[in-house]
Amino acid sequence: MSTREEVIVAINAAVGEREGRTTLRCPDAFRIAGEFSVGVGLIGNLCNELHIKIVQCQLGCFK
């Protein structure tokens, strides 16, 4: 399994639902990025592809 696929599995394992939308908390996005040694930009791009909204972002990285 490629790193991209592993990251997608990790994202899908961490998602929740909020107001009828699939969401990923920002702290989880940073945790996954660190766990796989990838940039948070990749996490954001993958979430966009997967139609997952990143929520609870305190740094303004994900809008």
Protein backbone atom coordinates (compact mmCIF):
# COMPACT_ATOMS: atom_id res chain seq x y z
CA MET A 1 0.00 0.00 0.00
CA SER A 2 1.38 3.42 -0.93
CA THR A 3 1.74 6.26 1.54
CA ARG A 4 -1.10 8.09 -0.21
CA GLU A 5 -3.40 5.11 0.28
CA GLU A 6 -2.33 4.75 3.91
CA VAL A 7 -3.02 8.43 4.53
CA ILE A 8 -6.47 8.10 2.96
CA VAL A 9 -7.22 5.13 5.22
CA ALA A 10 -6.10 7.17 8.26
CA ILE A 11 -8.22 10.14 7.20
CA ASN A 12 -11.28 7.95 6.70
CA ALA A 13 -10.73 6.37 10.12
CA ALA A 14 -10.68 9.80 11.77
CA VAL A 15 -13.63 11.44 10.03
CA GLY A 16 -16.87 12.31 11.72
CA GLU A 17 -20.09 13.94 10.70
CA ARG A 18 -21.24 17.45 11.42
CA GLU A 19 -24.38 19.09 10.11
CA GLY A 20 -24.76 16.34 7.52
CA ARG A 21 -21.20 16.73 6.18
CA THR A 22 -18.22 14.46 6.51
CA THR A 23 -15.61 16.29 8.58
CA LEU A 24 -12.07 15.93 9.88
CA ARG A 25 -10.91 17.93 12.89
CA CYS A 26 -7.86 20.10 12.25
CA PRO A 27 -5.87 18.55 15.13
CA ASP A 28 -6.47 15.14 13.52
CA ALA A 29 -5.25 16.46 10.17
CA PHE A 30 -2.00 17.61 11.80
CA ARG A 31 -1.67 14.32 13.69
CA ILE A 32 -2.08 12.28 10.49
CA ALA A 33 0.42 14.51 8.66
CA GLY A 34 2.96 13.94 11.43
CA GLU A 35 2.27 10.23 11.64
CA PHE A 36 3.01 9.76 7.93
CA SER A 37 5.62 12.53 7.63
CA VAL A 38 3.65 14.37 4.95
CA GLY A 39 2.70 18.01 4.69
CA VAL A 40 -0.62 19.27 5.95
CA GLY A 41 -1.20 20.55 2.42
CA LEU A 42 -1.41 16.95 1.22
CA ILE A 43 -3.97 16.20 3.92
CA GLY A 44 -5.98 19.23 2.80
CA ASN A 45 -5.79 18.21 -0.86
CA LEU A 46 -6.86 14.64 -0.08
CA CYS A 47 -9.75 15.91 2.02
CA ASN A 48 -10.84 18.10 -0.89
CA GLU A 49 -10.73 15.09 -3.23
CA LEU A 50 -12.71 13.02 -0.73
CA HIS A 51 -15.23 15.84 -0.06
CA ILE A 52 -14.25 16.01 3.60
CA LYS A 53 -14.50 19.39 5.33
CA ILE A 54 -11.73 20.22 7.81
CA VAL A 55 -13.21 21.81 10.93
CA GLN A 56 -12.02 23.39 14.17
CA CYS A 57 -9.01 24.97 12.45
CA GLN A 58 -7.41 27.49 14.76
CA LEU A 59 -4.51 28.45 12.51
CA GLY A 60 -6.43 29.29 9.34
CA CYS A 61 -4.60 26.62 7.34
CA PHE A 62 -7.82 25.03 6.11
CA LYS A 63 -10.63 27.22 4.82
